């Protein structure tokens, strides 16, 4: 059973199906984007390089599936790497 019990505005069966399909797609897209943002936040708050590679994997997967544009994926990866390198250099004490 569909978890949406809202009455449809559409009267035509194909439009009702299209509304159901669109809602499922939106939920799936939202899950991917939320997971991607969570991984990016973890990378920004920690110094672990393993987290950076996991975030790259999430970003590449979202880009490959068309959830985000490839230029946005490259921009996100660049900014994450930049923040990871900044934390790495600030954590090393100067002599």
PDB file of N, CA and C in Angstrom:
ATOM      1  N   UNK A   1       0.842  -1.185   0.000  1.00  0.00           N
ATOM      2  CA  UNK A   1       0.000   0.000   0.000  1.00  0.00           C
ATOM      3  C   UNK A   1       0.879   1.237   0.000  1.00  0.00           C
ATOM      4  N   UNK A   2       0.463   2.215  -0.712  1.00  0.00           N
ATOM      5  CA  UNK A   2       1.212   3.458  -0.815  1.00  0.00           C
ATOM      6  C   UNK A   2       1.148   4.201   0.514  1.00  0.00           C
ATOM      7  N   UNK A   3       2.251   4.785   0.912  1.00  0.00           N
ATOM      8  CA  UNK A   3       2.249   5.472   2.200  1.00  0.00           C
ATOM      9  C   UNK A   3       1.623   6.857   2.114  1.00  0.00           C
ATOM     10  N   UNK A   4       1.240   7.268   0.908  1.00  0.00           N
ATOM     11  CA  UNK A   4       0.573   8.542   0.725  1.00  0.00           C
ATOM     12  C   UNK A   4      -0.919   8.300   0.629  1.00  0.00           C
ATOM     13  N   UNK A   5      -1.668   8.769   1.591  1.00  0.00           N
ATOM     14  CA  UNK A   5      -3.109   8.567   1.574  1.00  0.00           C
ATOM     15  C   UNK A   5      -3.849   9.848   1.207  1.00  0.00           C
ATOM     16  N   UNK A   6      -3.144  10.742   0.537  1.00  0.00           N
ATOM     17  CA  UNK A   6      -3.735  12.011   0.138  1.00  0.00           C
ATOM     18  C   UNK A   6      -4.585  11.776  -1.103  1.00  0.00           C
ATOM     19  N   UNK A   7      -5.740  12.392  -1.154  1.00  0.00           N
ATOM     20  CA  UNK A   7      -6.597  12.279  -2.328  1.00  0.00           C
ATOM     21  C   UNK A   7      -5.930  12.983  -3.493  1.00  0.00           C
ATOM     22  N   UNK A   8      -5.980  12.361  -4.657  1.00  0.00           N
ATOM     23  CA  UNK A   8      -5.366  12.920  -5.844  1.00  0.00           C
ATOM     24  C   UNK A   8      -6.286  13.941  -6.494  1.00  0.00           C
ATOM     25  N   UNK A   9      -5.689  14.979  -7.036  1.00  0.00           N
ATOM     26  CA  UNK A   9      -6.463  15.971  -7.755  1.00  0.00           C
ATOM     27  C   UNK A   9      -6.817  15.444  -9.145  1.00  0.00           C
ATOM     28  N   UNK A  10      -5.938  14.604  -9.688  1.00  0.00           N
ATOM     29  CA  UNK A  10      -6.157  14.105 -11.040  1.00  0.00           C
ATOM     30  C   UNK A  10      -7.294  13.090 -11.071  1.00  0.00           C
ATOM     31  N   UNK A  11      -8.024  13.085 -12.163  1.00  0.00           N
ATOM     32  CA  UNK A  11      -9.106  12.121 -12.354  1.00  0.00           C
ATOM     33  C   UNK A  11      -8.717  11.013 -13.308  1.00  0.00           C
ATOM     34  N   UNK A  12      -7.745  11.251 -14.154  1.00  0.00           N
ATOM     35  CA  UNK A  12      -7.323  10.271 -15.143  1.00  0.00           C
ATOM     36  C   UNK A  12      -6.337   9.303 -14.494  1.00  0.00           C
ATOM     37  N   UNK A  13      -6.526   8.013 -14.769  1.00  0.00           N
ATOM     38  CA  UNK A  13      -5.741   6.966 -14.123  1.00  0.00           C
ATOM     39  C   UNK A  13      -4.245   7.126 -14.405  1.00  0.00           C
ATOM     40  N   UNK A  14      -3.878   7.486 -15.627  1.00  0.00           N
ATOM     41  CA  UNK A  14      -2.459   7.639 -15.964  1.00  0.00           C
ATOM     42  C   UNK A  14      -1.837   8.799 -15.192  1.00  0.00           C
ATOM     43  N   UNK A  15      -2.610   9.859 -14.953  1.00  0.00           N
ATOM     44  CA  UNK A  15      -2.094  10.984 -14.172  1.00  0.00           C
ATOM     45  C   UNK A  15      -1.924  10.613 -12.705  1.00  0.00           C
ATOM     46  N   UNK A  16      -2.850   9.813 -12.185  1.00  0.00           N
ATOM     47  CA  UNK A  16      -2.736   9.345 -10.796  1.00  0.00           C
ATOM     48  C   UNK A  16      -1.485   8.495 -10.643  1.00  0.00           C
ATOM     49  N   UNK A  17      -1.242   7.617 -11.621  1.00  0.00           N
ATOM     50  CA  UNK A  17      -0.045   6.776 -11.585  1.00  0.00           C
ATOM     51  C   UNK A  17       1.214   7.646 -11.678  1.00  0.00           C
ATOM     52  N   UNK A  18       1.161   8.667 -12.509  1.00  0.00           N
ATOM     53  CA  UNK A  18       2.302   9.565 -12.664  1.00  0.00           C
ATOM     54  C   UNK A  18       2.605  10.296 -11.361  1.00  0.00           C
ATOM     55  N   UNK A  19       1.567  10.692 -10.632  1.00  0.00           N
ATOM     56  CA  UNK A  19       1.761  11.350  -9.335  1.00  0.00           C
ATOM     57  C   UNK A  19       2.427  10.403  -8.353  1.00  0.00           C
ATOM     58  N   UNK A  20       1.965   9.143  -8.315  1.00  0.00           N
ATOM     59  CA  UNK A  20       2.573   8.145  -7.423  1.00  0.00           C
ATOM     60  C   UNK A  20       4.038   7.928  -7.784  1.00  0.00           C
ATOM     61  N   UNK A  21       4.303   7.800  -9.069  1.00  0.00           N
ATOM     62  CA  UNK A  21       5.665   7.555  -9.542  1.00  0.00           C
ATOM     63  C   UNK A  21       6.582   8.726  -9.191  1.00  0.00           C
ATOM     64  N   UNK A  22       6.094   9.931  -9.379  1.00  0.00           N
ATOM     65  CA  UNK A  22       6.890  11.123  -9.090  1.00  0.00           C
ATOM     66  C   UNK A  22       7.222  11.214  -7.608  1.00  0.00           C
ATOM     67  N   UNK A  23       6.264  10.866  -6.762  1.00  0.00           N
ATOM     68  CA  UNK A  23       6.519  10.901  -5.312  1.00  0.00           C
ATOM     69  C   UNK A  23       7.568   9.885  -4.913  1.00  0.00           C
ATOM     70  N   UNK A  24       7.516   8.691  -5.505  1.00  0.00           N
ATOM     71  CA  UNK A  24       8.526   7.678  -5.208  1.00  0.00           C
ATOM     72  C   UNK A  24       9.905   8.147  -5.652  1.00  0.00           C
ATOM     73  N   UNK A  25       9.969   8.733  -6.840  1.00  0.00           N
ATOM     74  CA  UNK A  25      11.247   9.234  -7.345  1.00  0.00           C
ATOM     75  C   UNK A  25      11.786  10.352  -6.458  1.00  0.00           C
ATOM     76  N   UNK A  26      10.905  11.220  -6.013  1.00  0.00           N
ATOM     77  CA  UNK A  26      11.324  12.332  -5.152  1.00  0.00           C
ATOM     78  C   UNK A  26      11.887  11.797  -3.832  1.00  0.00           C
ATOM     79  N   UNK A  27      11.220  10.780  -3.260  1.00  0.00           N
ATOM     80  CA  UNK A  27      11.723  10.187  -2.013  1.00  0.00           C
ATOM     81  C   UNK A  27      13.091   9.557  -2.212  1.00  0.00           C
ATOM     82  N   UNK A  28      13.258   8.863  -3.333  1.00  0.00           N
ATOM     83  CA  UNK A  28      14.537   8.219  -3.622  1.00  0.00           C
ATOM     84  C   UNK A  28      15.633   9.271  -3.807  1.00  0.00           C
ATOM     85  N   UNK A  29      15.334  10.324  -4.552  1.00  0.00           N
ATOM     86  CA  UNK A  29      16.310  11.398  -4.763  1.00  0.00           C
ATOM     87  C   UNK A  29      16.678  12.051  -3.442  1.00  0.00           C
ATOM     88  N   UNK A  30      15.680  12.272  -2.598  1.00  0.00           N
ATOM     89  CA  UNK A  30      15.916  12.915  -1.303  1.00  0.00           C
ATOM     90  C   UNK A  30      16.822  12.057  -0.426  1.00  0.00           C
ATOM     91  N   UNK A  31      16.623  10.740  -0.452  1.00  0.00           N
ATOM     92  CA  UNK A  31      17.483   9.835   0.322  1.00  0.00           C
ATOM     93  C   UNK A  31      18.932   9.933  -0.137  1.00  0.00           C
ATOM     94  N   UNK A  32      19.145   9.939  -1.448  1.00  0.00           N
ATOM     95  CA  UNK A  32      20.506  10.020  -1.975  1.00  0.00           C
ATOM     96  C   UNK A  32      21.171  11.337  -1.595  1.00  0.00           C
ATOM     97  N   UNK A  33      20.460  12.430  -1.762  1.00  0.00           N
ATOM     98  CA  UNK A  33      21.021  13.745  -1.465  1.00  0.00           C
ATOM     99  C   UNK A  33      21.290  13.895   0.030  1.00  0.00           C
ATOM    100  N   UNK A  34      20.397  13.372   0.867  1.00  0.00           N
ATOM    101  CA  UNK A  34      20.587  13.449   2.319  1.00  0.00           C
ATOM    102  C   UNK A  34      21.817  12.651   2.745  1.00  0.00           C
ATOM    103  N   UNK A  35      21.988  11.456   2.177  1.00  0.00           N
ATOM    104  CA  UNK A  35      23.162  10.647   2.500  1.00  0.00           C
ATOM    105  C   UNK A  35      24.437  11.346   2.058  1.00  0.00           C
ATOM    106  N   UNK A  36      24.385  11.962   0.889  1.00  0.00           N
ATOM    107  CA  UNK A  36      25.545  12.683   0.370  1.00  0.00           C
ATOM    108  C   UNK A  36      25.913  13.842   1.285  1.00  0.00           C
ATOM    109  N   UNK A  37      24.929  14.615   1.703  1.00  0.00           N
ATOM    110  CA  UNK A  37      25.199  15.757   2.579  1.00  0.00           C
ATOM    111  C   UNK A  37      25.712  15.310   3.943  1.00  0.00           C
ATOM    112  N   UNK A  38      25.201  14.189   4.444  1.00  0.00           N
ATOM    113  CA  UNK A  38      25.665  13.673   5.731  1.00  0.00           C
ATOM    114  C   UNK A  38      27.135  13.285   5.663  1.00  0.00           C
ATOM    115  N   UNK A  39      27.511  12.588   4.592  1.00  0.00           N
ATOM    116  CA  UNK A  39      28.919  12.201   4.434  1.00  0.00           C
ATOM    117  C   UNK A  39      29.815  13.433   4.296  1.00  0.00           C
ATOM    118  N   UNK A  40      29.337  14.432   3.563  1.00  0.00           N
ATOM    119  CA  UNK A  40      30.130  15.651   3.390  1.00  0.00           C
ATOM    120  C   UNK A  40      30.315  16.363   4.728  1.00  0.00           C
ATOM    121  N   UNK A  41      29.289  16.367   5.537  1.00  0.00           N
ATOM    122  CA  UNK A  41      29.378  17.010   6.850  1.00  0.00           C
ATOM    123  C   UNK A  41      30.365  16.271   7.750  1.00  0.00           C
ATOM    124  N   UNK A  42      30.355  14.946   7.686  1.00  0.00           N
ATOM    125  CA  UNK A  42      31.295  14.150   8.483  1.00  0.00           C
ATOM    126  C   UNK A  42      32.728  14.471   8.075  1.00  0.00           C
ATOM    127  N   UNK A  43      32.962  14.596   6.768  1.00  0.00           N
ATOM    128  CA  UNK A  43      34.313  14.916   6.293  1.00  0.00           C
ATOM    129  C   UNK A  43      34.746  16.291   6.782  1.00  0.00           C
ATOM    130  N   UNK A  44      33.828  17.259   6.757  1.00  0.00           N
ATOM    131  CA  UNK A  44      34.186  18.608   7.193  1.00  0.00           C
ATOM    132  C   UNK A  44      34.468  18.676   8.688  1.00  0.00           C
ATOM    133  N   UNK A  45      33.861  17.786   9.482  1.00  0.00           N
ATOM    134  CA  UNK A  45      34.047  17.858  10.930  1.00  0.00           C
ATOM    135  C   UNK A  45      35.169  16.949  11.439  1.00  0.00           C
ATOM    136  N   UNK A  46      35.550  15.939  10.662  1.00  0.00           N
ATOM    137  CA  UNK A  46      36.620  15.033  11.097  1.00  0.00           C
ATOM    138  C   UNK A  46      37.831  15.191  10.191  1.00  0.00           C
ATOM    139  N   UNK A  47      38.903  14.516  10.547  1.00  0.00           N
ATOM    140  CA  UNK A  47      40.139  14.591   9.758  1.00  0.00           C
ATOM    141  C   UNK A  47      40.443  13.275   9.056  1.00  0.00           C
ATOM    142  N   UNK A  48      39.520  12.335   9.088  1.00  0.00           N
ATOM    143  CA  UNK A  48      39.773  10.997   8.582  1.00  0.00           C
ATOM    144  C   UNK A  48      39.751  10.969   7.056  1.00  0.00           C
ATOM    145  N   UNK A  49      40.815  10.469   6.435  1.00  0.00           N
ATOM    146  CA  UNK A  49      40.884  10.358   4.972  1.00  0.00           C
ATOM    147  C   UNK A  49      39.936   9.276   4.456  1.00  0.00           C
ATOM    148  N   UNK A  50      39.638   8.272   5.286  1.00  0.00           N
ATOM    149  CA  UNK A  50      38.703   7.230   4.885  1.00  0.00           C
ATOM    150  C   UNK A  50      37.314   7.819   4.661  1.00  0.00           C
ATOM    151  N   UNK A  51      36.926   8.771   5.517  1.00  0.00           N
ATOM    152  CA  UNK A  51      35.636   9.440   5.341  1.00  0.00           C
ATOM    153  C   UNK A  51      35.603  10.225   4.040  1.00  0.00           C
ATOM    154  N   UNK A  52      36.732  10.794   3.658  1.00  0.00           N
ATOM    155  CA  UNK A  52      36.806  11.552   2.410  1.00  0.00           C
ATOM    156  C   UNK A  52      36.563  10.639   1.210  1.00  0.00           C
ATOM    157  N   UNK A  53      37.150   9.452   1.239  1.00  0.00           N
ATOM    158  CA  UNK A  53      36.948   8.524   0.118  1.00  0.00           C
ATOM    159  C   UNK A  53      35.501   8.029   0.071  1.00  0.00           C
ATOM    160  N   UNK A  54      34.880   7.825   1.232  1.00  0.00           N
ATOM    161  CA  UNK A  54      33.467   7.427   1.253  1.00  0.00           C
ATOM    162  C   UNK A  54      32.568   8.536   0.729  1.00  0.00           C
ATOM    163  N   UNK A  55      32.914   9.776   1.048  1.00  0.00           N
ATOM    164  CA  UNK A  55      32.141  10.912   0.539  1.00  0.00           C
ATOM    165  C   UNK A  55      32.301  11.014  -0.973  1.00  0.00           C
ATOM    166  N   UNK A  56      33.518  10.799  -1.467  1.00  0.00           N
ATOM    167  CA  UNK A  56      33.740  10.807  -2.917  1.00  0.00           C
ATOM    168  C   UNK A  56      32.885   9.740  -3.595  1.00  0.00           C
ATOM    169  N   UNK A  57      32.809   8.576  -2.962  1.00  0.00           N
ATOM    170  CA  UNK A  57      32.027   7.483  -3.531  1.00  0.00           C
ATOM    171  C   UNK A  57      30.545   7.855  -3.607  1.00  0.00           C
ATOM    172  N   UNK A  58      30.025   8.476  -2.552  1.00  0.00           N
ATOM    173  CA  UNK A  58      28.626   8.917  -2.549  1.00  0.00           C
ATOM    174  C   UNK A  58      28.378   9.975  -3.619  1.00  0.00           C
ATOM    175  N   UNK A  59      29.305  10.916  -3.724  1.00  0.00           N
ATOM    176  CA  UNK A  59      29.159  11.992  -4.705  1.00  0.00           C
ATOM    177  C   UNK A  59      29.193  11.431  -6.124  1.00  0.00           C
ATOM    178  N   UNK A  60      30.147  10.532  -6.389  1.00  0.00           N
ATOM    179  CA  UNK A  60      30.242   9.942  -7.723  1.00  0.00           C
ATOM    180  C   UNK A  60      29.009   9.117  -8.063  1.00  0.00           C
ATOM    181  N   UNK A  61      28.484   8.405  -7.070  1.00  0.00           N
ATOM    182  CA  UNK A  61      27.280   7.611  -7.301  1.00  0.00           C
ATOM    183  C   UNK A  61      26.076   8.480  -7.618  1.00  0.00           C
ATOM    184  N   UNK A  62      25.934   9.572  -6.889  1.00  0.00           N
ATOM    185  CA  UNK A  62      24.817  10.481  -7.142  1.00  0.00           C
ATOM    186  C   UNK A  62      24.957  11.135  -8.506  1.00  0.00           C
ATOM    187  N   UNK A  63      26.173  11.438  -8.895  1.00  0.00           N
ATOM    188  CA  UNK A  63      26.408  12.047 -10.203  1.00  0.00           C
ATOM    189  C   UNK A  63      26.115  11.046 -11.318  1.00  0.00           C
ATOM    190  N   UNK A  64      26.530   9.812 -11.130  1.00  0.00           N
ATOM    191  CA  UNK A  64      26.310   8.788 -12.158  1.00  0.00           C
ATOM    192  C   UNK A  64      24.829   8.485 -12.347  1.00  0.00           C
ATOM    193  N   UNK A  65      24.064   8.547 -11.271  1.00  0.00           N
ATOM    194  CA  UNK A  65      22.626   8.270 -11.358  1.00  0.00           C
ATOM    195  C   UNK A  65      21.822   9.488 -11.766  1.00  0.00           C
ATOM    196  N   UNK A  66      22.475  10.620 -11.920  1.00  0.00           N
ATOM    197  CA  UNK A  66      21.784  11.820 -12.362  1.00  0.00           C
ATOM    198  C   UNK A  66      21.082  12.569 -11.252  1.00  0.00           C
ATOM    199  N   UNK A  67      21.415  12.280 -10.008  1.00  0.00           N
ATOM    200  CA  UNK A  67      20.802  12.987  -8.883  1.00  0.00           C
ATOM    201  C   UNK A  67      21.359  14.397  -8.769  1.00  0.00           C
ATOM    202  N   UNK A  68      22.655  14.552  -9.092  1.00  0.00           N
ATOM    203  CA  UNK A  68      23.274  15.878  -9.129  1.00  0.00           C
ATOM    204  C   UNK A  68      24.052  15.984 -10.435  1.00  0.00           C
ATOM    205  N   UNK A  69      24.318  17.204 -10.860  1.00  0.00           N
ATOM    206  CA  UNK A  69      25.053  17.455 -12.096  1.00  0.00           C
ATOM    207  C   UNK A  69      26.524  17.126 -11.882  1.00  0.00           C
ATOM    208  N   UNK A  70      27.210  16.716 -12.957  1.00  0.00           N
ATOM    209  CA  UNK A  70      28.613  16.317 -12.807  1.00  0.00           C
ATOM    210  C   UNK A  70      29.500  17.487 -12.393  1.00  0.00           C
ATOM    211  N   UNK A  71      29.167  18.699 -12.833  1.00  0.00           N
ATOM    212  CA  UNK A  71      29.961  19.854 -12.404  1.00  0.00           C
ATOM    213  C   UNK A  71      29.774  20.120 -10.912  1.00  0.00           C
ATOM    214  N   UNK A  72      28.566  19.927 -10.416  1.00  0.00           N
ATOM    215  CA  UNK A  72      28.322  20.097  -8.979  1.00  0.00           C
ATOM    216  C   UNK A  72      29.082  19.038  -8.200  1.00  0.00           C
ATOM    217  N   UNK A  73      29.123  17.818  -8.732  1.00  0.00           N
ATOM    218  CA  UNK A  73      29.875  16.750  -8.066  1.00  0.00           C
ATOM    219  C   UNK A  73      31.350  17.105  -7.977  1.00  0.00           C
ATOM    220  N   UNK A  74      31.908  17.610  -9.072  1.00  0.00           N
ATOM    221  CA  UNK A  74      33.322  18.001  -9.062  1.00  0.00           C
ATOM    222  C   UNK A  74      33.575  19.157  -8.100  1.00  0.00           C
ATOM    223  N   UNK A  75      32.643  20.104  -8.051  1.00  0.00           N
ATOM    224  CA  UNK A  75      32.784  21.244  -7.147  1.00  0.00           C
ATOM    225  C   UNK A  75      32.743  20.777  -5.691  1.00  0.00           C
ATOM    226  N   UNK A  76      31.811  19.864  -5.368  1.00  0.00           N
ATOM    227  CA  UNK A  76      31.717  19.350  -3.997  1.00  0.00           C
ATOM    228  C   UNK A  76      32.989  18.614  -3.602  1.00  0.00           C
ATOM    229  N   UNK A  77      33.500  17.778  -4.502  1.00  0.00           N
ATOM    230  CA  UNK A  77      34.718  17.025  -4.197  1.00  0.00           C
ATOM    231  C   UNK A  77      35.905  17.965  -3.998  1.00  0.00           C
ATOM    232  N   UNK A  78      35.975  19.003  -4.816  1.00  0.00           N
ATOM    233  CA  UNK A  78      37.062  19.964  -4.687  1.00  0.00           C
ATOM    234  C   UNK A  78      37.000  20.679  -3.342  1.00  0.00           C
ATOM    235  N   UNK A  79      35.810  21.106  -2.962  1.00  0.00           N
ATOM    236  CA  UNK A  79      35.668  21.820  -1.691  1.00  0.00           C
ATOM    237  C   UNK A  79      35.942  20.918  -0.498  1.00  0.00           C
ATOM    238  N   UNK A  80      35.521  19.645  -0.592  1.00  0.00           N
ATOM    239  CA  UNK A  80      35.804  18.716   0.504  1.00  0.00           C
ATOM    240  C   UNK A  80      37.299  18.471   0.645  1.00  0.00           C
ATOM    241  N   UNK A  81      37.973  18.297  -0.483  1.00  0.00           N
ATOM    242  CA  UNK A  81      39.426  18.077  -0.441  1.00  0.00           C
ATOM    243  C   UNK A  81      40.133  19.304   0.118  1.00  0.00           C
ATOM    244  N   UNK A  82      39.663  20.460  -0.276  1.00  0.00           N
ATOM    245  CA  UNK A  82      40.257  21.706   0.208  1.00  0.00           C
ATOM    246  C   UNK A  82      40.093  21.835   1.724  1.00  0.00           C
ATOM    247  N   UNK A  83      38.900  21.521   2.227  1.00  0.00           N
ATOM    248  CA  UNK A  83      38.675  21.620   3.672  1.00  0.00           C
ATOM    249  C   UNK A  83      39.456  20.557   4.426  1.00  0.00           C
ATOM    250  N   UNK A  84      39.583  19.355   3.839  1.00  0.00           N
ATOM    251  CA  UNK A  84      40.359  18.292   4.489  1.00  0.00           C
ATOM    252  C   UNK A  84      41.829  18.669   4.555  1.00  0.00           C
ATOM    253  N   UNK A  85      42.355  19.262   3.495  1.00  0.00           N
ATOM    254  CA  UNK A  85      43.761  19.689   3.490  1.00  0.00           C
ATOM    255  C   UNK A  85      43.993  20.844   4.438  1.00  0.00           C
ATOM    256  N   UNK A  86      43.024  21.735   4.550  1.00  0.00           N
ATOM    257  CA  UNK A  86      43.158  22.876   5.460  1.00  0.00           C
ATOM    258  C   UNK A  86      43.232  22.386   6.900  1.00  0.00           C
ATOM    259  N   UNK A  87      42.370  21.425   7.249  1.00  0.00           N
ATOM    260  CA  UNK A  87      42.394  20.890   8.610  1.00  0.00           C
ATOM    261  C   UNK A  87      43.694  20.161   8.878  1.00  0.00           C
ATOM    262  N   UNK A  88      44.209  19.489   7.850  1.00  0.00           N
ATOM    263  CA  UNK A  88      45.445  18.738   8.008  1.00  0.00           C
ATOM    264  C   UNK A  88      46.617  19.675   8.273  1.00  0.00           C
ATOM    265  N   UNK A  89      46.655  20.802   7.580  1.00  0.00           N
ATOM    266  CA  UNK A  89      47.775  21.725   7.762  1.00  0.00           C
ATOM    267  C   UNK A  89      47.645  22.499   9.068  1.00  0.00           C
ATOM    268  N   UNK A  90      46.423  22.771   9.520  1.00  0.00           N
ATOM    269  CA  UNK A  90      46.263  23.515  10.766  1.00  0.00           C
ATOM    270  C   UNK A  90      46.489  22.630  11.985  1.00  0.00           C
ATOM    271  N   UNK A  91      46.339  21.300  11.813  1.00  0.00           N
ATOM    272  CA  UNK A  91      46.524  20.420  12.960  1.00  0.00           C
ATOM    273  C   UNK A  91      48.002  20.157  13.237  1.00  0.00           C
ATOM    274  N   UNK A  92      48.895  20.405  12.242  1.00  0.00           N
ATOM    275  CA  UNK A  92      50.316  20.206  12.427  1.00  0.00           C
ATOM    276  C   UNK A  92      50.903  21.468  13.056  1.00  0.00           C
ATOM    277  N   UNK A  93      51.585  21.351  14.202  1.00  0.00           N
ATOM    278  CA  UNK A  93      52.163  22.548  14.829  1.00  0.00           C
ATOM    279  C   UNK A  93      53.367  23.063  14.048  1.00  0.00           C
ATOM    280  N   UNK A  94      53.497  24.369  14.000  1.00  0.00           N
ATOM    281  CA  UNK A  94      54.643  24.986  13.308  1.00  0.00           C
ATOM    282  C   UNK A  94      55.866  24.955  14.222  1.00  0.00           C
ATOM    283  N   UNK A  95      57.018  24.787  13.608  1.00  0.00           N
ATOM    284  CA  UNK A  95      58.269  24.722  14.384  1.00  0.00           C
ATOM    285  C   UNK A  95      58.968  26.041  14.394  1.00  0.00           C
TER     286      UNK A  95
END
